[in-house]
């Protein structure tokens, strides 16, 4: 009899524990949250375009909070995983932090938001301290991302594509070289720093100096590399002659 009572008590406790775990899991999924937030910025001589993709969790009212858009205009807005209640988002403030939010028809739900912004000063350009120097006029590019939402961004990433004819001269932020990835897309240079978490109210900066990319620059690099290669070949030839002569002696 006592054994049966112990078994029932253990089963009852297990059910309570399971219920608590399920409750905590449901509570943990309640939003708002921003799991990932990625920016792809394309710069041309005339325009600046930014494509944003964010994986978020809506709050109990179906709101999804995103960083403030400032003076940027929204060209496109799409949502996967739920339906928009309104065709466009709205600006507001929460805990003294400005936000841009949308409302979907499913509360506490994971959704993917895709946005396209256009405007000025997404990336700020100014004269670099290097000024007129080789390999051409150098300017400073700064992208300052502000997480103005009341929630943390678990994983923020940025991809910056330079205008045609521009090259990366040096990167100031992030400082660690291993955190950077350089590539070419459509003939234009682009930089992809390593993803980072950005707390609510905090910021992330990408700072780099950009130079002009004249056609003569690539030719000059090949001439220098070729000269170095010839120098080492001549040195190696002299060394082989000396070694051969020593063996004959």
C-alpha atoms as a PDB file:
ATOM      1  CA  UNK A   1       0.000   0.000   0.000  1.00  0.00           C
ATOM      2  CA  UNK A   2       2.785   2.379   0.966  1.00  0.00           C
ATOM      3  CA  UNK A   3       4.635   1.471  -2.227  1.00  0.00           C
ATOM      4  CA  UNK A   4       1.586   2.422  -4.342  1.00  0.00           C
ATOM      5  CA  UNK A   5       1.284   5.740  -2.491  1.00  0.00           C
ATOM      6  CA  UNK A   6       4.967   6.516  -3.195  1.00  0.00           C
ATOM      7  CA  UNK A   7       4.473   5.661  -6.874  1.00  0.00           C
ATOM      8  CA  UNK A   8       1.415   7.930  -7.103  1.00  0.00           C
ATOM      9  CA  UNK A   9       3.241  10.746  -5.329  1.00  0.00           C
ATOM     10  CA  UNK A  10       6.226  10.434  -7.672  1.00  0.00           C
ATOM     11  CA  UNK A  11       3.918  10.414 -10.717  1.00  0.00           C
ATOM     12  CA  UNK A  12       2.034  13.458  -9.388  1.00  0.00           C
ATOM     13  CA  UNK A  13       5.302  15.375  -8.818  1.00  0.00           C
ATOM     14  CA  UNK A  14       6.510  14.457 -12.310  1.00  0.00           C
ATOM     15  CA  UNK A  15       3.314  15.799 -13.857  1.00  0.00           C
ATOM     16  CA  UNK A  16       3.654  19.077 -11.923  1.00  0.00           C
ATOM     17  CA  UNK A  17       7.301  19.437 -13.017  1.00  0.00           C
ATOM     18  CA  UNK A  18       6.390  18.713 -16.632  1.00  0.00           C
ATOM     19  CA  UNK A  19       3.640  21.309 -16.463  1.00  0.00           C
ATOM     20  CA  UNK A  20       6.034  23.916 -15.078  1.00  0.00           C
ATOM     21  CA  UNK A  21       8.577  23.183 -17.795  1.00  0.00           C
ATOM     22  CA  UNK A  22       5.942  23.538 -20.505  1.00  0.00           C
ATOM     23  CA  UNK A  23       4.700  26.768 -18.950  1.00  0.00           C
ATOM     24  CA  UNK A  24       8.211  28.195 -18.821  1.00  0.00           C
ATOM     25  CA  UNK A  25       8.808  27.216 -22.433  1.00  0.00           C
ATOM     26  CA  UNK A  26       5.618  28.966 -23.551  1.00  0.00           C
ATOM     27  CA  UNK A  27       6.468  32.012 -21.428  1.00  0.00           C
ATOM     28  CA  UNK A  28       9.983  32.113 -22.890  1.00  0.00           C
ATOM     29  CA  UNK A  29       8.559  32.234 -26.424  1.00  0.00           C
ATOM     30  CA  UNK A  30       6.390  35.237 -25.619  1.00  0.00           C
ATOM     31  CA  UNK A  31       7.756  38.268 -27.422  1.00  0.00           C
ATOM     32  CA  UNK A  32       8.764  40.599 -28.508  1.00  0.00           C
ATOM     33  CA  UNK A  33      12.140  39.198 -29.553  1.00  0.00           C
ATOM     34  CA  UNK A  34      14.651  39.728 -32.347  1.00  0.00           C
ATOM     35  CA  UNK A  35      16.628  36.553 -32.983  1.00  0.00           C
ATOM     36  CA  UNK A  36      18.499  37.752 -36.081  1.00  0.00           C
ATOM     37  CA  UNK A  37      18.728  41.098 -37.866  1.00  0.00           C
ATOM     38  CA  UNK A  38      20.733  41.407 -41.088  1.00  0.00           C
ATOM     39  CA  UNK A  39      21.412  44.439 -43.257  1.00  0.00           C
ATOM     40  CA  UNK A  40      22.595  44.349 -46.874  1.00  0.00           C
ATOM     41  CA  UNK A  41      23.583  47.884 -47.913  1.00  0.00           C
ATOM     42  CA  UNK A  42      24.329  48.792 -51.508  1.00  0.00           C
ATOM     43  CA  UNK A  43      25.958  52.115 -52.285  1.00  0.00           C
ATOM     44  CA  UNK A  44      25.986  53.801 -55.669  1.00  0.00           C
ATOM     45  CA  UNK A  45      26.947  57.321 -56.696  1.00  0.00           C
ATOM     46  CA  UNK A  46      23.326  58.476 -56.411  1.00  0.00           C
ATOM     47  CA  UNK A  47      21.455  56.209 -53.974  1.00  0.00           C
ATOM     48  CA  UNK A  48      21.793  54.168 -50.792  1.00  0.00           C
ATOM     49  CA  UNK A  49      19.619  51.077 -50.456  1.00  0.00           C
ATOM     50  CA  UNK A  50      19.329  48.795 -47.438  1.00  0.00           C
ATOM     51  CA  UNK A  51      17.656  45.392 -47.435  1.00  0.00           C
ATOM     52  CA  UNK A  52      16.761  44.101 -43.978  1.00  0.00           C
ATOM     53  CA  UNK A  53      15.750  40.603 -42.962  1.00  0.00           C
ATOM     54  CA  UNK A  54      14.788  39.986 -39.345  1.00  0.00           C
ATOM     55  CA  UNK A  55      13.695  36.821 -37.576  1.00  0.00           C
ATOM     56  CA  UNK A  56      11.445  37.968 -34.750  1.00  0.00           C
ATOM     57  CA  UNK A  57       8.832  36.831 -32.247  1.00  0.00           C
ATOM     58  CA  UNK A  58       5.623  38.861 -31.997  1.00  0.00           C
ATOM     59  CA  UNK A  59       4.336  39.977 -28.576  1.00  0.00           C
ATOM     60  CA  UNK A  60       0.964  38.925 -27.047  1.00  0.00           C
ATOM     61  CA  UNK A  61      -0.755  41.613 -29.157  1.00  0.00           C
ATOM     62  CA  UNK A  62       0.954  40.566 -32.380  1.00  0.00           C
ATOM     63  CA  UNK A  63       3.383  43.503 -32.510  1.00  0.00           C
ATOM     64  CA  UNK A  64       6.901  43.058 -33.902  1.00  0.00           C
ATOM     65  CA  UNK A  65       9.409  45.706 -32.845  1.00  0.00           C
ATOM     66  CA  UNK A  66      12.258  46.795 -35.129  1.00  0.00           C
ATOM     67  CA  UNK A  67      14.918  49.536 -34.855  1.00  0.00           C
ATOM     68  CA  UNK A  68      13.825  53.060 -35.759  1.00  0.00           C
ATOM     69  CA  UNK A  69      13.908  53.824 -39.481  1.00  0.00           C
ATOM     70  CA  UNK A  70      14.635  57.498 -38.874  1.00  0.00           C
ATOM     71  CA  UNK A  71      14.100  59.471 -42.078  1.00  0.00           C
ATOM     72  CA  UNK A  72      14.388  56.424 -44.333  1.00  0.00           C
ATOM     73  CA  UNK A  73      11.491  55.594 -46.623  1.00  0.00           C
ATOM     74  CA  UNK A  74      10.064  52.058 -46.691  1.00  0.00           C
ATOM     75  CA  UNK A  75       9.984  50.747 -50.258  1.00  0.00           C
ATOM     76  CA  UNK A  76       8.981  47.144 -49.525  1.00  0.00           C
ATOM     77  CA  UNK A  77       7.572  45.248 -46.532  1.00  0.00           C
ATOM     78  CA  UNK A  78       6.897  41.506 -46.438  1.00  0.00           C
ATOM     79  CA  UNK A  79       6.224  39.012 -43.632  1.00  0.00           C
ATOM     80  CA  UNK A  80       6.499  35.223 -43.609  1.00  0.00           C
ATOM     81  CA  UNK A  81       4.863  33.076 -40.928  1.00  0.00           C
ATOM     82  CA  UNK A  82       1.886  35.370 -40.367  1.00  0.00           C
ATOM     83  CA  UNK A  83      -0.258  38.029 -42.060  1.00  0.00           C
ATOM     84  CA  UNK A  84       0.056  41.776 -41.690  1.00  0.00           C
ATOM     85  CA  UNK A  85      -2.873  43.514 -39.987  1.00  0.00           C
ATOM     86  CA  UNK A  86      -1.861  46.800 -41.635  1.00  0.00           C
ATOM     87  CA  UNK A  87      -0.060  47.202 -44.964  1.00  0.00           C
ATOM     88  CA  UNK A  88       2.651  49.460 -43.478  1.00  0.00           C
ATOM     89  CA  UNK A  89       4.330  49.849 -40.100  1.00  0.00           C
ATOM     90  CA  UNK A  90       4.227  52.696 -37.611  1.00  0.00           C
ATOM     91  CA  UNK A  91       6.747  54.752 -35.630  1.00  0.00           C
ATOM     92  CA  UNK A  92       6.581  55.187 -31.868  1.00  0.00           C
ATOM     93  CA  UNK A  93       8.478  55.186 -28.570  1.00  0.00           C
ATOM     94  CA  UNK A  94       8.774  52.640 -25.768  1.00  0.00           C
ATOM     95  CA  UNK A  95      10.923  53.179 -22.662  1.00  0.00           C
ATOM     96  CA  UNK A  96      12.233  56.371 -24.321  1.00  0.00           C
ATOM     97  CA  UNK A  97      13.499  54.323 -27.271  1.00  0.00           C
ATOM     98  CA  UNK A  98      12.107  55.038 -30.767  1.00  0.00           C
ATOM     99  CA  UNK A  99      10.937  52.037 -32.743  1.00  0.00           C
ATOM    100  CA  UNK A 100       9.400  50.983 -36.033  1.00  0.00           C
ATOM    101  CA  UNK A 101       6.813  48.271 -35.512  1.00  0.00           C
ATOM    102  CA  UNK A 102       4.362  46.172 -37.475  1.00  0.00           C
ATOM    103  CA  UNK A 103       1.384  44.131 -36.308  1.00  0.00           C
ATOM    104  CA  UNK A 104       0.644  40.586 -37.427  1.00  0.00           C
ATOM    105  CA  UNK A 105      -2.417  38.417 -36.871  1.00  0.00           C
ATOM    106  CA  UNK A 106      -0.589  35.813 -34.731  1.00  0.00           C
ATOM    107  CA  UNK A 107       0.646  36.651 -31.205  1.00  0.00           C
ATOM    108  CA  UNK A 108       3.766  35.011 -29.702  1.00  0.00           C
ATOM    109  CA  UNK A 109       4.740  33.657 -33.124  1.00  0.00           C
ATOM    110  CA  UNK A 110       8.064  33.469 -34.955  1.00  0.00           C
ATOM    111  CA  UNK A 111       7.953  35.530 -38.154  1.00  0.00           C
ATOM    112  CA  UNK A 112      10.483  36.662 -40.761  1.00  0.00           C
ATOM    113  CA  UNK A 113      10.266  40.317 -41.738  1.00  0.00           C
ATOM    114  CA  UNK A 114      11.804  41.596 -44.994  1.00  0.00           C
ATOM    115  CA  UNK A 115      12.190  45.337 -45.557  1.00  0.00           C
ATOM    116  CA  UNK A 116      13.761  47.562 -48.194  1.00  0.00           C
ATOM    117  CA  UNK A 117      14.776  51.092 -47.172  1.00  0.00           C
ATOM    118  CA  UNK A 118      16.074  53.963 -49.282  1.00  0.00           C
ATOM    119  CA  UNK A 119      17.520  57.242 -48.163  1.00  0.00           C
ATOM    120  CA  UNK A 120      20.575  59.333 -47.369  1.00  0.00           C
ATOM    121  CA  UNK A 121      23.211  58.810 -44.703  1.00  0.00           C
ATOM    122  CA  UNK A 122      22.572  55.100 -44.211  1.00  0.00           C
ATOM    123  CA  UNK A 123      26.326  55.099 -44.560  1.00  0.00           C
ATOM    124  CA  UNK A 124      27.938  58.460 -43.804  1.00  0.00           C
ATOM    125  CA  UNK A 125      30.805  59.558 -46.030  1.00  0.00           C
ATOM    126  CA  UNK A 126      33.352  62.214 -45.133  1.00  0.00           C
ATOM    127  CA  UNK A 127      36.903  63.194 -45.993  1.00  0.00           C
ATOM    128  CA  UNK A 128      39.470  60.886 -44.430  1.00  0.00           C
ATOM    129  CA  UNK A 129      42.456  62.191 -42.472  1.00  0.00           C
ATOM    130  CA  UNK A 130      44.590  60.450 -45.056  1.00  0.00           C
ATOM    131  CA  UNK A 131      43.331  62.863 -47.716  1.00  0.00           C
ATOM    132  CA  UNK A 132      45.109  62.834 -51.057  1.00  0.00           C
ATOM    133  CA  UNK A 133      47.431  59.872 -50.837  1.00  0.00           C
ATOM    134  CA  UNK A 134      48.309  56.708 -52.736  1.00  0.00           C
ATOM    135  CA  UNK A 135      46.390  54.892 -54.156  1.00  0.00           C
ATOM    136  CA  UNK A 136      44.054  57.854 -54.714  1.00  0.00           C
ATOM    137  CA  UNK A 137      41.594  60.060 -52.886  1.00  0.00           C
ATOM    138  CA  UNK A 138      40.641  58.403 -49.597  1.00  0.00           C
ATOM    139  CA  UNK A 139      37.274  58.939 -47.903  1.00  0.00           C
ATOM    140  CA  UNK A 140      35.818  57.579 -44.667  1.00  0.00           C
ATOM    141  CA  UNK A 141      32.660  55.426 -44.610  1.00  0.00           C
ATOM    142  CA  UNK A 142      30.792  54.874 -41.323  1.00  0.00           C
ATOM    143  CA  UNK A 143      27.711  52.753 -40.750  1.00  0.00           C
ATOM    144  CA  UNK A 144      26.297  53.215 -37.243  1.00  0.00           C
ATOM    145  CA  UNK A 145      23.560  50.750 -36.349  1.00  0.00           C
ATOM    146  CA  UNK A 146      21.431  51.678 -33.330  1.00  0.00           C
ATOM    147  CA  UNK A 147      19.278  49.062 -31.636  1.00  0.00           C
ATOM    148  CA  UNK A 148      16.562  51.456 -30.534  1.00  0.00           C
ATOM    149  CA  UNK A 149      14.151  48.646 -29.681  1.00  0.00           C
ATOM    150  CA  UNK A 150      13.409  47.650 -26.056  1.00  0.00           C
ATOM    151  CA  UNK A 151      14.737  44.131 -26.735  1.00  0.00           C
ATOM    152  CA  UNK A 152      18.176  42.643 -27.426  1.00  0.00           C
ATOM    153  CA  UNK A 153      19.199  41.504 -30.900  1.00  0.00           C
ATOM    154  CA  UNK A 154      20.770  38.075 -30.526  1.00  0.00           C
ATOM    155  CA  UNK A 155      22.591  38.137 -33.883  1.00  0.00           C
ATOM    156  CA  UNK A 156      23.192  41.276 -35.949  1.00  0.00           C
ATOM    157  CA  UNK A 157      25.032  41.142 -39.278  1.00  0.00           C
ATOM    158  CA  UNK A 158      25.868  43.608 -42.021  1.00  0.00           C
ATOM    159  CA  UNK A 159      27.059  43.368 -45.625  1.00  0.00           C
ATOM    160  CA  UNK A 160      28.284  46.588 -47.237  1.00  0.00           C
ATOM    161  CA  UNK A 161      28.760  46.770 -51.012  1.00  0.00           C
ATOM    162  CA  UNK A 162      30.882  49.697 -52.226  1.00  0.00           C
ATOM    163  CA  UNK A 163      30.139  51.830 -55.277  1.00  0.00           C
ATOM    164  CA  UNK A 164      31.732  50.832 -58.565  1.00  0.00           C
ATOM    165  CA  UNK A 165      35.352  51.917 -58.823  1.00  0.00           C
ATOM    166  CA  UNK A 166      35.875  52.002 -55.047  1.00  0.00           C
ATOM    167  CA  UNK A 167      38.188  49.782 -53.012  1.00  0.00           C
ATOM    168  CA  UNK A 168      38.728  49.112 -49.296  1.00  0.00           C
ATOM    169  CA  UNK A 169      41.890  50.857 -48.103  1.00  0.00           C
ATOM    170  CA  UNK A 170      41.696  49.955 -44.392  1.00  0.00           C
ATOM    171  CA  UNK A 171      39.137  48.959 -41.734  1.00  0.00           C
ATOM    172  CA  UNK A 172      39.103  50.668 -38.327  1.00  0.00           C
ATOM    173  CA  UNK A 173      36.068  48.921 -36.790  1.00  0.00           C
ATOM    174  CA  UNK A 174      35.832  46.041 -36.124  1.00  0.00           C
ATOM    175  CA  UNK A 175      39.516  46.007 -35.270  1.00  0.00           C
ATOM    176  CA  UNK A 176      40.143  42.262 -35.498  1.00  0.00           C
ATOM    177  CA  UNK A 177      41.097  41.139 -39.004  1.00  0.00           C
ATOM    178  CA  UNK A 178      39.689  37.645 -38.433  1.00  0.00           C
ATOM    179  CA  UNK A 179      36.231  39.191 -37.914  1.00  0.00           C
ATOM    180  CA  UNK A 180      36.135  40.433 -41.517  1.00  0.00           C
ATOM    181  CA  UNK A 181      35.325  38.767 -44.797  1.00  0.00           C
ATOM    182  CA  UNK A 182      36.042  40.521 -48.102  1.00  0.00           C
ATOM    183  CA  UNK A 183      34.489  39.486 -51.395  1.00  0.00           C
ATOM    184  CA  UNK A 184      33.441  40.763 -54.817  1.00  0.00           C
ATOM    185  CA  UNK A 185      29.832  40.903 -56.015  1.00  0.00           C
ATOM    186  CA  UNK A 186      28.899  42.124 -59.464  1.00  0.00           C
ATOM    187  CA  UNK A 187      32.365  43.574 -59.892  1.00  0.00           C
ATOM    188  CA  UNK A 188      32.068  45.662 -56.707  1.00  0.00           C
ATOM    189  CA  UNK A 189      33.961  45.082 -53.455  1.00  0.00           C
ATOM    190  CA  UNK A 190      31.943  44.181 -50.365  1.00  0.00           C
ATOM    191  CA  UNK A 191      32.785  43.646 -46.711  1.00  0.00           C
ATOM    192  CA  UNK A 192      31.020  41.285 -44.295  1.00  0.00           C
ATOM    193  CA  UNK A 193      32.037  41.586 -40.638  1.00  0.00           C
ATOM    194  CA  UNK A 194      31.351  38.729 -38.230  1.00  0.00           C
ATOM    195  CA  UNK A 195      27.852  38.745 -36.692  1.00  0.00           C
ATOM    196  CA  UNK A 196      27.500  40.186 -33.195  1.00  0.00           C
ATOM    197  CA  UNK A 197      24.844  40.605 -30.520  1.00  0.00           C
ATOM    198  CA  UNK A 198      23.537  44.133 -29.918  1.00  0.00           C
ATOM    199  CA  UNK A 199      21.809  44.933 -26.626  1.00  0.00           C
ATOM    200  CA  UNK A 200      18.732  47.150 -26.385  1.00  0.00           C
ATOM    201  CA  UNK A 201      19.795  50.781 -26.627  1.00  0.00           C
ATOM    202  CA  UNK A 202      23.324  49.843 -27.773  1.00  0.00           C
ATOM    203  CA  UNK A 203      25.071  50.401 -31.100  1.00  0.00           C
ATOM    204  CA  UNK A 204      27.384  48.703 -33.600  1.00  0.00           C
ATOM    205  CA  UNK A 205      29.792  50.533 -35.913  1.00  0.00           C
ATOM    206  CA  UNK A 206      31.496  49.615 -39.161  1.00  0.00           C
ATOM    207  CA  UNK A 207      34.208  52.161 -39.987  1.00  0.00           C
ATOM    208  CA  UNK A 208      36.489  51.955 -43.006  1.00  0.00           C
ATOM    209  CA  UNK A 209      38.539  54.108 -45.356  1.00  0.00           C
ATOM    210  CA  UNK A 210      37.737  53.748 -49.039  1.00  0.00           C
ATOM    211  CA  UNK A 211      39.934  54.742 -51.968  1.00  0.00           C
ATOM    212  CA  UNK A 212      39.520  55.127 -55.688  1.00  0.00           C
ATOM    213  CA  UNK A 213      40.399  52.097 -57.760  1.00  0.00           C
ATOM    214  CA  UNK A 214      42.192  53.305 -60.915  1.00  0.00           C
ATOM    215  CA  UNK A 215      42.992  50.734 -63.561  1.00  0.00           C
ATOM    216  CA  UNK A 216      46.689  51.599 -63.207  1.00  0.00           C
ATOM    217  CA  UNK A 217      46.658  50.401 -59.591  1.00  0.00           C
ATOM    218  CA  UNK A 218      46.193  46.747 -60.523  1.00  0.00           C
ATOM    219  CA  UNK A 219      48.919  47.069 -63.185  1.00  0.00           C
ATOM    220  CA  UNK A 220      51.277  48.588 -60.597  1.00  0.00           C
ATOM    221  CA  UNK A 221      50.609  45.721 -58.178  1.00  0.00           C
ATOM    222  CA  UNK A 222      51.377  43.139 -60.896  1.00  0.00           C
ATOM    223  CA  UNK A 223      54.618  44.977 -61.828  1.00  0.00           C
ATOM    224  CA  UNK A 224      55.745  45.022 -58.180  1.00  0.00           C
ATOM    225  CA  UNK A 225      54.857  41.341 -57.679  1.00  0.00           C
ATOM    226  CA  UNK A 226      56.602  40.422 -60.934  1.00  0.00           C
ATOM    227  CA  UNK A 227      59.718  42.372 -59.950  1.00  0.00           C
ATOM    228  CA  UNK A 228      59.893  40.588 -56.592  1.00  0.00           C
ATOM    229  CA  UNK A 229      59.492  37.200 -58.294  1.00  0.00           C
ATOM    230  CA  UNK A 230      62.289  37.960 -60.798  1.00  0.00           C
ATOM    231  CA  UNK A 231      64.546  39.158 -57.955  1.00  0.00           C
ATOM    232  CA  UNK A 232      64.162  35.863 -56.078  1.00  0.00           C
ATOM    233  CA  UNK A 233      64.633  33.827 -59.270  1.00  0.00           C
ATOM    234  CA  UNK A 234      67.940  35.626 -60.001  1.00  0.00           C
ATOM    235  CA  UNK A 235      69.092  35.122 -56.408  1.00  0.00           C
ATOM    236  CA  UNK A 236      68.161  31.457 -56.562  1.00  0.00           C
ATOM    237  CA  UNK A 237      70.037  31.052 -59.862  1.00  0.00           C
ATOM    238  CA  UNK A 238      73.224  32.559 -58.340  1.00  0.00           C
ATOM    239  CA  UNK A 239      72.877  30.283 -55.323  1.00  0.00           C
ATOM    240  CA  UNK A 240      72.516  27.195 -57.525  1.00  0.00           C
ATOM    241  CA  UNK A 241      75.643  28.174 -59.505  1.00  0.00           C
ATOM    242  CA  UNK A 242      77.686  28.526 -56.293  1.00  0.00           C
ATOM    243  CA  UNK A 243      76.427  25.187 -54.980  1.00  0.00           C
ATOM    244  CA  UNK A 244      77.287  23.432 -58.262  1.00  0.00           C
ATOM    245  CA  UNK A 245      80.787  24.954 -58.302  1.00  0.00           C
ATOM    246  CA  UNK A 246      81.466  23.866 -54.725  1.00  0.00           C
ATOM    247  CA  UNK A 247      80.491  20.299 -55.585  1.00  0.00           C
ATOM    248  CA  UNK A 248      82.851  20.235 -58.566  1.00  0.00           C
ATOM    249  CA  UNK A 249      85.741  21.481 -56.399  1.00  0.00           C
END
